[in-house]
N, C-alpha and C. Protein backbone atom coordinates (compact mmCIF):
# COMPACT_ATOMS: atom_id res chain seq x y z
N MET A 1 106.35 131.11 21.09
CA MET A 1 105.46 131.92 21.90
C MET A 1 106.30 132.91 22.69
N GLU A 2 105.80 134.10 22.86
CA GLU A 2 106.49 135.14 23.62
C GLU A 2 105.55 135.70 24.67
N ILE A 3 106.13 136.33 25.68
CA ILE A 3 105.33 136.96 26.72
C ILE A 3 105.73 138.42 26.83
N ALA A 4 104.75 139.29 26.98
CA ALA A 4 105.02 140.71 27.15
C ALA A 4 104.88 141.07 28.61
N VAL A 5 105.88 141.72 29.15
CA VAL A 5 105.86 142.16 30.54
C VAL A 5 106.18 143.64 30.54
N LYS A 6 105.18 144.45 30.84
CA LYS A 6 105.35 145.90 30.87
C LYS A 6 106.11 146.39 29.65
N ASP A 7 105.59 146.09 28.48
CA ASP A 7 106.13 146.55 27.20
C ASP A 7 107.46 145.92 26.83
N MET A 8 107.86 144.85 27.51
CA MET A 8 109.07 144.14 27.16
C MET A 8 108.68 142.76 26.63
N ILE A 9 109.36 142.28 25.63
CA ILE A 9 109.07 140.98 25.04
C ILE A 9 110.19 140.01 25.38
N PHE A 10 109.82 138.82 25.85
CA PHE A 10 110.78 137.79 26.20
C PHE A 10 110.36 136.50 25.54
N ASN A 11 111.31 135.73 25.06
CA ASN A 11 110.95 134.45 24.45
C ASN A 11 110.76 133.40 25.53
N ASN A 12 110.25 132.26 25.14
CA ASN A 12 109.95 131.19 26.10
C ASN A 12 111.18 130.75 26.88
N LYS A 13 112.34 130.71 26.24
CA LYS A 13 113.55 130.24 26.92
C LYS A 13 113.89 131.16 28.10
N THR A 14 113.80 132.45 27.90
CA THR A 14 114.08 133.40 28.98
C THR A 14 113.09 133.23 30.12
N VAL A 15 111.82 133.14 29.79
CA VAL A 15 110.78 132.99 30.80
C VAL A 15 110.95 131.67 31.55
N ARG A 16 111.20 130.61 30.81
CA ARG A 16 111.37 129.29 31.42
C ARG A 16 112.59 129.27 32.36
N ASN A 17 113.70 129.83 31.91
CA ASN A 17 114.90 129.87 32.74
C ASN A 17 114.67 130.70 34.00
N THR A 18 113.96 131.81 33.87
CA THR A 18 113.66 132.65 35.02
C THR A 18 112.77 131.92 36.01
N LEU A 19 111.77 131.23 35.50
CA LEU A 19 110.88 130.47 36.36
C LEU A 19 111.65 129.40 37.12
N PHE A 20 112.51 128.65 36.43
CA PHE A 20 113.29 127.60 37.09
C PHE A 20 114.25 128.19 38.11
N ASP A 21 114.82 129.36 37.83
CA ASP A 21 115.69 130.02 38.80
C ASP A 21 114.91 130.37 40.07
N CYS A 22 113.71 130.88 39.88
CA CYS A 22 112.87 131.23 41.04
C CYS A 22 112.49 129.99 41.83
N LEU A 23 112.16 128.93 41.14
CA LEU A 23 111.81 127.69 41.82
C LEU A 23 113.00 127.14 42.59
N ASP A 24 114.19 127.21 42.00
CA ASP A 24 115.41 126.77 42.70
C ASP A 24 115.63 127.57 43.97
N LYS A 25 115.44 128.88 43.90
CA LYS A 25 115.60 129.73 45.08
C LYS A 25 114.56 129.36 46.14
N GLY A 26 113.35 129.05 45.71
CA GLY A 26 112.31 128.65 46.65
C GLY A 26 112.64 127.34 47.34
N ILE A 27 113.18 126.40 46.58
CA ILE A 27 113.58 125.12 47.16
C ILE A 27 114.71 125.34 48.16
N ASP A 28 115.66 126.19 47.81
CA ASP A 28 116.75 126.52 48.74
C ASP A 28 116.20 127.11 50.03
N ASP A 29 115.21 127.99 49.93
CA ASP A 29 114.59 128.59 51.12
C ASP A 29 113.97 127.52 52.01
N VAL A 30 113.24 126.60 51.41
CA VAL A 30 112.58 125.54 52.18
C VAL A 30 113.63 124.66 52.86
N GLU A 31 114.66 124.29 52.11
CA GLU A 31 115.71 123.44 52.68
C GLU A 31 116.44 124.13 53.83
N ALA A 32 116.53 125.47 53.76
CA ALA A 32 117.20 126.23 54.81
C ALA A 32 116.25 126.58 55.96
N GLY A 33 114.99 126.16 55.85
CA GLY A 33 114.02 126.43 56.91
C GLY A 33 113.35 127.79 56.82
N ARG A 34 113.56 128.48 55.70
CA ARG A 34 112.91 129.78 55.51
C ARG A 34 111.59 129.53 54.79
N VAL A 35 110.53 129.41 55.56
CA VAL A 35 109.21 129.09 55.01
C VAL A 35 108.35 130.36 55.07
N HIS A 36 107.59 130.59 54.01
CA HIS A 36 106.76 131.80 53.90
C HIS A 36 105.29 131.42 53.75
N ALA A 37 104.42 132.32 54.17
CA ALA A 37 102.99 132.16 53.91
C ALA A 37 102.78 132.21 52.39
N VAL A 38 101.71 131.60 51.91
CA VAL A 38 101.48 131.50 50.47
C VAL A 38 101.48 132.87 49.80
N GLU A 39 100.77 133.82 50.37
CA GLU A 39 100.69 135.15 49.76
C GLU A 39 102.06 135.80 49.70
N GLU A 40 102.83 135.66 50.77
CA GLU A 40 104.17 136.23 50.81
C GLU A 40 105.08 135.54 49.80
N ALA A 41 104.95 134.23 49.68
CA ALA A 41 105.77 133.47 48.73
C ALA A 41 105.49 133.92 47.29
N PHE A 42 104.22 134.10 46.95
CA PHE A 42 103.88 134.55 45.60
C PHE A 42 104.44 135.94 45.34
N GLN A 43 104.39 136.81 46.34
CA GLN A 43 104.93 138.15 46.18
C GLN A 43 106.44 138.10 45.95
N ILE A 44 107.12 137.26 46.69
CA ILE A 44 108.57 137.11 46.54
C ILE A 44 108.90 136.61 45.14
N VAL A 45 108.16 135.61 44.67
CA VAL A 45 108.40 135.07 43.33
C VAL A 45 108.16 136.14 42.27
N LYS A 46 107.07 136.90 42.41
CA LYS A 46 106.78 137.97 41.45
C LYS A 46 107.92 138.98 41.40
N GLU A 47 108.41 139.39 42.57
CA GLU A 47 109.49 140.37 42.63
C GLU A 47 110.77 139.81 42.02
N ARG A 48 111.08 138.57 42.32
CA ARG A 48 112.30 137.95 41.78
C ARG A 48 112.21 137.79 40.27
N MET A 49 111.05 137.39 39.79
CA MET A 49 110.89 137.24 38.33
C MET A 49 111.01 138.60 37.65
N LYS A 50 110.41 139.62 38.24
CA LYS A 50 110.51 140.97 37.68
C LYS A 50 111.96 141.39 37.62
N ASP A 51 112.71 141.18 38.70
CA ASP A 51 114.12 141.55 38.74
C ASP A 51 114.93 140.77 37.70
N GLU A 52 114.66 139.47 37.61
CA GLU A 52 115.37 138.61 36.65
C GLU A 52 115.07 139.06 35.21
N LEU A 53 113.81 139.32 34.93
CA LEU A 53 113.44 139.71 33.58
C LEU A 53 114.02 141.07 33.21
N GLN A 54 114.02 142.00 34.16
CA GLN A 54 114.61 143.31 33.90
C GLN A 54 116.12 143.18 33.68
N GLY A 55 116.76 142.33 34.45
CA GLY A 55 118.19 142.11 34.29
C GLY A 55 118.54 141.50 32.96
N SER A 56 117.70 140.57 32.49
CA SER A 56 117.99 139.91 31.20
C SER A 56 117.73 140.84 30.03
N SER A 57 116.90 141.85 30.19
CA SER A 57 116.64 142.77 29.09
C SER A 57 117.64 143.92 29.06
N ASP A 58 118.36 144.12 30.18
CA ASP A 58 119.33 145.21 30.25
C ASP A 58 120.61 144.89 29.52
N GLY A 59 120.97 143.62 29.46
CA GLY A 59 122.27 143.33 28.87
C GLY A 59 122.20 142.23 27.99
């Protein structure tokens, strides 16, 4: 299965790794006491996933 993000195609492994990276960063934030409102947290995750996916397609 593949996912298309703004005309880019990524396989499940890339998407899964990106998701786990974002979750790890979120856990690190919680452990460090950086807690966000739900809406803000979702926006942060979306931005980080977008950045990660763009980075993985560049190189």
